[in-house]
Structures are given as C-alpha cells and as structure tokens.
PDB file of N, CA and C in Angstrom:
ATOM      1  N   MET A   1     -25.461 -15.275 -45.512  1.00  0.00           N
ATOM      2  CA  MET A   1     -25.339 -14.674 -46.821  1.00  0.00           C
ATOM      3  C   MET A   1     -26.560 -15.020 -47.648  1.00  0.00           C
ATOM      4  N   ALA A   2     -26.860 -14.177 -48.588  1.00  0.00           N
ATOM      5  CA  ALA A   2     -28.036 -14.380 -49.429  1.00  0.00           C
ATOM      6  C   ALA A   2     -27.737 -13.922 -50.853  1.00  0.00           C
ATOM      7  N   ILE A   3     -28.533 -14.415 -51.752  1.00  0.00           N
ATOM      8  CA  ILE A   3     -28.440 -14.019 -53.153  1.00  0.00           C
ATOM      9  C   ILE A   3     -29.737 -13.306 -53.517  1.00  0.00           C
ATOM     10  N   SER A   4     -29.612 -12.191 -54.195  1.00  0.00           N
ATOM     11  CA  SER A   4     -30.783 -11.459 -54.665  1.00  0.00           C
ATOM     12  C   SER A   4     -30.852 -11.567 -56.186  1.00  0.00           C
ATOM     13  N   TYR A   5     -32.038 -11.830 -56.682  1.00  0.00           N
ATOM     14  CA  TYR A   5     -32.272 -11.911 -58.119  1.00  0.00           C
ATOM     15  C   TYR A   5     -32.974 -10.663 -58.641  1.00  0.00           C
ATOM     16  N   ASN A   6     -32.983  -9.588 -57.862  1.00  0.00           N
ATOM     17  CA  ASN A   6     -33.660  -8.355 -58.282  1.00  0.00           C
ATOM     18  C   ASN A   6     -33.139  -7.839 -59.623  1.00  0.00           C
ATOM     19  N   LYS A   7     -31.836  -7.982 -59.846  1.00  0.00           N
ATOM     20  CA  LYS A   7     -31.266  -7.534 -61.123  1.00  0.00           C
ATOM     21  C   LYS A   7     -31.854  -8.325 -62.294  1.00  0.00           C
ATOM     22  N   LEU A   8     -32.088  -9.605 -62.075  1.00  0.00           N
ATOM     23  CA  LEU A   8     -32.687 -10.439 -63.120  1.00  0.00           C
ATOM     24  C   LEU A   8     -34.085  -9.947 -63.453  1.00  0.00           C
ATOM     25  N   TRP A   9     -34.894  -9.709 -62.427  1.00  0.00           N
ATOM     26  CA  TRP A   9     -36.278  -9.265 -62.662  1.00  0.00           C
ATOM     27  C   TRP A   9     -36.311  -7.914 -63.365  1.00  0.00           C
ATOM     28  N   LYS A  10     -35.414  -7.012 -62.975  1.00  0.00           N
ATOM     29  CA  LYS A  10     -35.358  -5.697 -63.630  1.00  0.00           C
ATOM     30  C   LYS A  10     -34.956  -5.836 -65.096  1.00  0.00           C
ATOM     31  N   LEU A  11     -33.997  -6.721 -65.351  1.00  0.00           N
ATOM     32  CA  LEU A  11     -33.544  -6.952 -66.724  1.00  0.00           C
ATOM     33  C   LEU A  11     -34.681  -7.517 -67.583  1.00  0.00           C
ATOM     34  N   LEU A  12     -35.428  -8.453 -67.023  1.00  0.00           N
ATOM     35  CA  LEU A  12     -36.551  -9.028 -67.768  1.00  0.00           C
ATOM     36  C   LEU A  12     -37.601  -7.970 -68.079  1.00  0.00           C
ATOM     37  N   ILE A  13     -37.877  -7.103 -67.116  1.00  0.00           N
ATOM     38  CA  ILE A  13     -38.839  -6.019 -67.345  1.00  0.00           C
ATOM     39  C   ILE A  13     -38.335  -5.092 -68.442  1.00  0.00           C
ATOM     40  N   ASP A  14     -37.055  -4.703 -68.361  1.00  0.00           N
ATOM     41  CA  ASP A  14     -36.484  -3.797 -69.360  1.00  0.00           C
ATOM     42  C   ASP A  14     -36.545  -4.388 -70.769  1.00  0.00           C
ATOM     43  N   ARG A  15     -36.354  -5.694 -70.857  1.00  0.00           N
ATOM     44  CA  ARG A  15     -36.352  -6.357 -72.165  1.00  0.00           C
ATOM     45  C   ARG A  15     -37.727  -6.895 -72.565  1.00  0.00           C
ATOM     46  N   LYS A  16     -38.701  -6.682 -71.699  1.00  0.00           N
ATOM     47  CA  LYS A  16     -40.076  -7.143 -71.954  1.00  0.00           C
ATOM     48  C   LYS A  16     -40.131  -8.657 -72.201  1.00  0.00           C
ATOM     49  N   ILE A  17     -39.435  -9.392 -71.325  1.00  0.00           N
ATOM     50  CA  ILE A  17     -39.425 -10.853 -71.370  1.00  0.00           C
ATOM     51  C   ILE A  17     -40.129 -11.355 -70.114  1.00  0.00           C
ATOM     52  N   SER A  18     -41.059 -12.265 -70.281  1.00  0.00           N
ATOM     53  CA  SER A  18     -41.755 -12.818 -69.113  1.00  0.00           C
ATOM     54  C   SER A  18     -40.903 -13.907 -68.466  1.00  0.00           C
ATOM     55  N   ALA A  19     -41.185 -14.174 -67.208  1.00  0.00           N
ATOM     56  CA  ALA A  19     -40.488 -15.247 -66.500  1.00  0.00           C
ATOM     57  C   ALA A  19     -40.761 -16.585 -67.183  1.00  0.00           C
ATOM     58  N   ALA A  20     -41.980 -16.765 -67.678  1.00  0.00           N
ATOM     59  CA  ALA A  20     -42.329 -18.007 -68.376  1.00  0.00           C
ATOM     60  C   ALA A  20     -41.509 -18.164 -69.657  1.00  0.00           C
ATOM     61  N   GLU A  21     -41.320 -17.073 -70.379  1.00  0.00           N
ATOM     62  CA  GLU A  21     -40.524 -17.120 -71.612  1.00  0.00           C
ATOM     63  C   GLU A  21     -39.063 -17.433 -71.295  1.00  0.00           C
ATOM     64  N   LEU A  22     -38.522 -16.813 -70.263  1.00  0.00           N
ATOM     65  CA  LEU A  22     -37.145 -17.114 -69.849  1.00  0.00           C
ATOM     66  C   LEU A  22     -37.027 -18.582 -69.471  1.00  0.00           C
ATOM     67  N   ARG A  23     -37.986 -19.082 -68.725  1.00  0.00           N
ATOM     68  CA  ARG A  23     -37.968 -20.481 -68.295  1.00  0.00           C
ATOM     69  C   ARG A  23     -37.915 -21.412 -69.499  1.00  0.00           C
ATOM     70  N   LYS A  24     -38.702 -21.124 -70.516  1.00  0.00           N
ATOM     71  CA  LYS A  24     -38.717 -21.960 -71.717  1.00  0.00           C
ATOM     72  C   LYS A  24     -37.405 -21.855 -72.487  1.00  0.00           C
ATOM     73  N   GLN A  25     -36.933 -20.626 -72.698  1.00  0.00           N
ATOM     74  CA  GLN A  25     -35.718 -20.426 -73.496  1.00  0.00           C
ATOM     75  C   GLN A  25     -34.479 -21.003 -72.812  1.00  0.00           C
ATOM     76  N   ALA A  26     -34.422 -20.911 -71.484  1.00  0.00           N
ATOM     77  CA  ALA A  26     -33.249 -21.389 -70.747  1.00  0.00           C
ATOM     78  C   ALA A  26     -33.420 -22.826 -70.257  1.00  0.00           C
ATOM     79  N   ASP A  27     -34.552 -23.443 -70.600  1.00  0.00           N
ATOM     80  CA  ASP A  27     -34.832 -24.825 -70.196  1.00  0.00           C
ATOM     81  C   ASP A  27     -34.702 -24.993 -68.679  1.00  0.00           C
ATOM     82  N   ILE A  28     -35.443 -24.161 -67.950  1.00  0.00           N
ATOM     83  CA  ILE A  28     -35.427 -24.170 -66.491  1.00  0.00           C
ATOM     84  C   ILE A  28     -36.697 -24.855 -66.001  1.00  0.00           C
ATOM     85  N   ALA A  29     -36.551 -25.772 -65.058  1.00  0.00           N
ATOM     86  CA  ALA A  29     -37.704 -26.471 -64.489  1.00  0.00           C
ATOM     87  C   ALA A  29     -38.579 -25.492 -63.700  1.00  0.00           C
ATOM     88  N   PRO A  30     -39.878 -25.737 -63.674  1.00  0.00           N
ATOM     89  CA  PRO A  30     -40.774 -24.848 -62.923  1.00  0.00           C
ATOM     90  C   PRO A  30     -40.385 -24.690 -61.454  1.00  0.00           C
ATOM     91  N   ASN A  31     -39.952 -25.793 -60.813  1.00  0.00           N
ATOM     92  CA  ASN A  31     -39.567 -25.682 -59.402  1.00  0.00           C
ATOM     93  C   ASN A  31     -38.305 -24.836 -59.223  1.00  0.00           C
ATOM     94  N   THR A  32     -37.451 -24.802 -60.223  1.00  0.00           N
ATOM     95  CA  THR A  32     -36.257 -23.956 -60.155  1.00  0.00           C
ATOM     96  C   THR A  32     -36.644 -22.490 -60.272  1.00  0.00           C
ATOM     97  N   MET A  33     -37.597 -22.177 -61.122  1.00  0.00           N
ATOM     98  CA  MET A  33     -38.085 -20.789 -61.207  1.00  0.00           C
ATOM     99  C   MET A  33     -38.710 -20.366 -59.885  1.00  0.00           C
ATOM    100  N   THR A  34     -39.386 -21.294 -59.225  1.00  0.00           N
ATOM    101  CA  THR A  34     -39.957 -20.996 -57.912  1.00  0.00           C
ATOM    102  C   THR A  34     -38.854 -20.676 -56.918  1.00  0.00           C
ATOM    103  N   ARG A  35     -37.756 -21.428 -56.970  1.00  0.00           N
ATOM    104  CA  ARG A  35     -36.617 -21.154 -56.079  1.00  0.00           C
ATOM    105  C   ARG A  35     -36.059 -19.757 -56.342  1.00  0.00           C
ATOM    106  N   ILE A  36     -35.975 -19.368 -57.597  1.00  0.00           N
ATOM    107  CA  ILE A  36     -35.473 -18.035 -57.939  1.00  0.00           C
ATOM    108  C   ILE A  36     -36.431 -16.972 -57.408  1.00  0.00           C
ATOM    109  N   ARG A  37     -37.712 -17.188 -57.587  1.00  0.00           N
ATOM    110  CA  ARG A  37     -38.707 -16.222 -57.087  1.00  0.00           C
ATOM    111  C   ARG A  37     -38.630 -16.067 -55.574  1.00  0.00           C
ATOM    112  N   LYS A  38     -38.273 -17.149 -54.874  1.00  0.00           N
ATOM    113  CA  LYS A  38     -38.187 -17.125 -53.410  1.00  0.00           C
ATOM    114  C   LYS A  38     -36.801 -16.711 -52.913  1.00  0.00           C
ATOM    115  N   GLU A  39     -35.947 -16.236 -53.842  1.00  0.00           N
ATOM    116  CA  GLU A  39     -34.592 -15.786 -53.498  1.00  0.00           C
ATOM    117  C   GLU A  39     -33.753 -16.915 -52.897  1.00  0.00           C
ATOM    118  N   GLN A  40     -33.948 -18.137 -53.385  1.00  0.00           N
ATOM    119  CA  GLN A  40     -33.183 -19.284 -52.924  1.00  0.00           C
ATOM    120  C   GLN A  40     -32.085 -19.600 -53.935  1.00  0.00           C
ATOM    121  N   GLU A  41     -31.121 -20.388 -53.489  1.00  0.00           N
ATOM    122  CA  GLU A  41     -29.988 -20.725 -54.347  1.00  0.00           C
ATOM    123  C   GLU A  41     -30.409 -21.677 -55.468  1.00  0.00           C
ATOM    124  N   VAL A  42     -29.778 -21.512 -56.609  1.00  0.00           N
ATOM    125  CA  VAL A  42     -29.926 -22.440 -57.730  1.00  0.00           C
ATOM    126  C   VAL A  42     -28.525 -22.812 -58.203  1.00  0.00           C
ATOM    127  N   THR A  43     -28.431 -23.816 -59.054  1.00  0.00           N
ATOM    128  CA  THR A  43     -27.119 -24.282 -59.497  1.00  0.00           C
ATOM    129  C   THR A  43     -26.455 -23.291 -60.452  1.00  0.00           C
ATOM    130  N   MET A  44     -25.161 -23.424 -60.554  1.00  0.00           N
ATOM    131  CA  MET A  44     -24.406 -22.598 -61.500  1.00  0.00           C
ATOM    132  C   MET A  44     -24.834 -22.907 -62.932  1.00  0.00           C
ATOM    133  N   GLN A  45     -25.216 -24.147 -63.207  1.00  0.00           N
ATOM    134  CA  GLN A  45     -25.678 -24.511 -64.550  1.00  0.00           C
ATOM    135  C   GLN A  45     -26.898 -23.691 -64.948  1.00  0.00           C
ATOM    136  N   VAL A  46     -27.820 -23.524 -64.011  1.00  0.00           N
ATOM    137  CA  VAL A  46     -29.018 -22.730 -64.287  1.00  0.00           C
ATOM    138  C   VAL A  46     -28.629 -21.282 -64.547  1.00  0.00           C
ATOM    139  N   LEU A  47     -27.763 -20.738 -63.704  1.00  0.00           N
ATOM    140  CA  LEU A  47     -27.327 -19.351 -63.886  1.00  0.00           C
ATOM    141  C   LEU A  47     -26.611 -19.177 -65.224  1.00  0.00           C
ATOM    142  N   CYS A  48     -25.809 -20.159 -65.609  1.00  0.00           N
ATOM    143  CA  CYS A  48     -25.110 -20.093 -66.899  1.00  0.00           C
ATOM    144  C   CYS A  48     -26.101 -20.091 -68.064  1.00  0.00           C
ATOM    145  N   ARG A  49     -27.142 -20.912 -67.985  1.00  0.00           N
ATOM    146  CA  ARG A  49     -28.144 -20.948 -69.054  1.00  0.00           C
ATOM    147  C   ARG A  49     -28.895 -19.625 -69.142  1.00  0.00           C
ATOM    148  N   ILE A  50     -29.225 -19.045 -67.990  1.00  0.00           N
ATOM    149  CA  ILE A  50     -29.897 -17.740 -67.989  1.00  0.00           C
ATOM    150  C   ILE A  50     -28.992 -16.693 -68.625  1.00  0.00           C
ATOM    151  N   CYS A  51     -27.723 -16.683 -68.225  1.00  0.00           N
ATOM    152  CA  CYS A  51     -26.772 -15.717 -68.791  1.00  0.00           C
ATOM    153  C   CYS A  51     -26.631 -15.901 -70.299  1.00  0.00           C
ATOM    154  N   ALA A  52     -26.592 -17.141 -70.753  1.00  0.00           N
ATOM    155  CA  ALA A  52     -26.451 -17.408 -72.188  1.00  0.00           C
ATOM    156  C   ALA A  52     -27.667 -16.901 -72.960  1.00  0.00           C
ATOM    157  N   VAL A  53     -28.855 -17.150 -72.441  1.00  0.00           N
ATOM    158  CA  VAL A  53     -30.083 -16.715 -73.116  1.00  0.00           C
ATOM    159  C   VAL A  53     -30.162 -15.195 -73.175  1.00  0.00           C
ATOM    160  N   LEU A  54     -29.791 -14.540 -72.077  1.00  0.00           N
ATOM    161  CA  LEU A  54     -29.907 -13.079 -72.005  1.00  0.00           C
ATOM    162  C   LEU A  54     -28.655 -12.353 -72.494  1.00  0.00           C
ATOM    163  N   ASP A  55     -27.584 -13.124 -72.781  1.00  0.00           N
ATOM    164  CA  ASP A  55     -26.306 -12.559 -73.222  1.00  0.00           C
ATOM    165  C   ASP A  55     -25.773 -11.545 -72.206  1.00  0.00           C
ATOM    166  N   VAL A  56     -25.684 -12.011 -70.942  1.00  0.00           N
ATOM    167  CA  VAL A  56     -25.184 -11.179 -69.849  1.00  0.00           C
ATOM    168  C   VAL A  56     -24.214 -11.992 -69.000  1.00  0.00           C
ATOM    169  N   ASP A  57     -23.651 -11.353 -67.984  1.00  0.00           N
ATOM    170  CA  ASP A  57     -22.753 -12.010 -67.038  1.00  0.00           C
ATOM    171  C   ASP A  57     -23.494 -12.207 -65.715  1.00  0.00           C
ATOM    172  N   PHE A  58     -22.915 -13.004 -64.819  1.00  0.00           N
ATOM    173  CA  PHE A  58     -23.545 -13.283 -63.525  1.00  0.00           C
ATOM    174  C   PHE A  58     -23.923 -12.012 -62.771  1.00  0.00           C
ATOM    175  N   GLY A  59     -23.026 -11.042 -62.758  1.00  0.00           N
ATOM    176  CA  GLY A  59     -23.265  -9.798 -62.030  1.00  0.00           C
ATOM    177  C   GLY A  59     -24.436  -8.992 -62.558  1.00  0.00           C
ATOM    178  N   ASP A  60     -24.884  -9.326 -63.761  1.00  0.00           N
ATOM    179  CA  ASP A  60     -26.036  -8.628 -64.336  1.00  0.00           C
ATOM    180  C   ASP A  60     -27.369  -9.212 -63.876  1.00  0.00           C
ATOM    181  N   ILE A  61     -27.335 -10.419 -63.283  1.00  0.00           N
ATOM    182  CA  ILE A  61     -28.593 -11.063 -62.889  1.00  0.00           C
ATOM    183  C   ILE A  61     -28.694 -11.383 -61.403  1.00  0.00           C
ATOM    184  N   ILE A  62     -27.562 -11.448 -60.705  1.00  0.00           N
ATOM    185  CA  ILE A  62     -27.601 -11.753 -59.275  1.00  0.00           C
ATOM    186  C   ILE A  62     -26.744 -10.769 -58.500  1.00  0.00           C
ATOM    187  N   GLU A  63     -27.027 -10.695 -57.211  1.00  0.00           N
ATOM    188  CA  GLU A  63     -26.255  -9.832 -56.322  1.00  0.00           C
ATOM    189  C   GLU A  63     -26.064 -10.566 -55.002  1.00  0.00           C
ATOM    190  N   PHE A  64     -24.851 -10.525 -54.472  1.00  0.00           N
ATOM    191  CA  PHE A  64     -24.543 -11.129 -53.180  1.00  0.00           C
ATOM    192  C   PHE A  64     -24.915 -10.152 -52.078  1.00  0.00           C
ATOM    193  N   ILE A  65     -25.668 -10.622 -51.102  1.00  0.00           N
ATOM    194  CA  ILE A  65     -26.071  -9.802 -49.970  1.00  0.00           C
ATOM    195  C   ILE A  65     -25.467 -10.420 -48.709  1.00  0.00           C
ATOM    196  N   PRO A  66     -24.452  -9.793 -48.115  1.00  0.00           N
ATOM    197  CA  PRO A  66     -23.858 -10.360 -46.897  1.00  0.00           C
ATOM    198  C   PRO A  66     -24.838 -10.297 -45.725  1.00  0.00           C
ATOM    199  N   ASP A  67     -24.692 -11.254 -44.788  1.00  0.00           N
ATOM    200  CA  ASP A  67     -25.555 -11.288 -43.610  1.00  0.00           C
ATOM    201  C   ASP A  67     -25.375 -10.048 -42.752  1.00  0.00           C
ATOM    202  N   GLU A  68     -24.128  -9.686 -42.546  1.00  0.00           N
ATOM    203  CA  GLU A  68     -23.827  -8.498 -41.748  1.00  0.00           C
ATOM    204  C   GLU A  68     -22.590  -7.834 -42.323  1.00  0.00           C
ATOM    205  N   PRO A  69     -22.482  -6.548 -42.183  1.00  0.00           N
ATOM    206  CA  PRO A  69     -21.307  -5.863 -42.736  1.00  0.00           C
ATOM    207  C   PRO A  69     -20.030  -6.288 -42.014  1.00  0.00           C
ATOM    208  N   HIS A  70     -18.974  -6.424 -42.797  1.00  0.00           N
ATOM    209  CA  HIS A  70     -17.672  -6.753 -42.227  1.00  0.00           C
ATOM    210  C   HIS A  70     -16.985  -5.477 -41.771  1.00  0.00           C
ATOM    211  N   ILE A  71     -16.309  -5.574 -40.658  1.00  0.00           N
ATOM    212  CA  ILE A  71     -15.579  -4.426 -40.127  1.00  0.00           C
ATOM    213  C   ILE A  71     -14.140  -4.520 -40.605  1.00  0.00           C
ATOM    214  N   LYS A  72     -13.677  -3.480 -41.265  1.00  0.00           N
ATOM    215  CA  LYS A  72     -12.290  -3.453 -41.731  1.00  0.00           C
ATOM    216  C   LYS A  72     -11.393  -3.035 -40.582  1.00  0.00           C
ATOM    217  N   LYS A  73     -10.243  -3.680 -40.510  1.00  0.00           N
ATOM    218  CA  LYS A  73      -9.280  -3.353 -39.448  1.00  0.00           C
ATOM    219  C   LYS A  73      -8.277  -2.357 -39.933  1.00  0.00           C
TER     220      LYS A  73
END
C-alpha cells in the first residue's frame, strides 16, 4: 500500500502557497517535507497540522493507493 500526496500539491498550487510556506505555517521539519515529497509516510500529527493550516480534511490532501486491486467475491 502507498500514500499519494498529489492532492496536497494540487491544493497548494491552486491556493498559490509554496511548500516552504506550508512548512513554516504548519511547523513541519525539513526532513518531514522531504518524506512527503518522496511519497513516504508521515505521522498523523503532521497531517493534522497540515489540515488545520489549510482548513481541509485528510481526504483533501492524501490518497490511499492499494498495492493491487482486490477481487470481490
């Protein structure tokens, strides 16, 4: 399974907010922003701070990508 942050990047572009500005406003460490850029997992606390700064919900900034499609029986 994987997490995609594409929704976050699109939202930042739409709102004309730079990644550096988000990092400052949400008090995110530089290495955590690197993890987000590399599509790696971050803590729920970080996601909550991003959501609070942008006034959005989790589904507005991340997307779950399953490894393989599940077959329904």
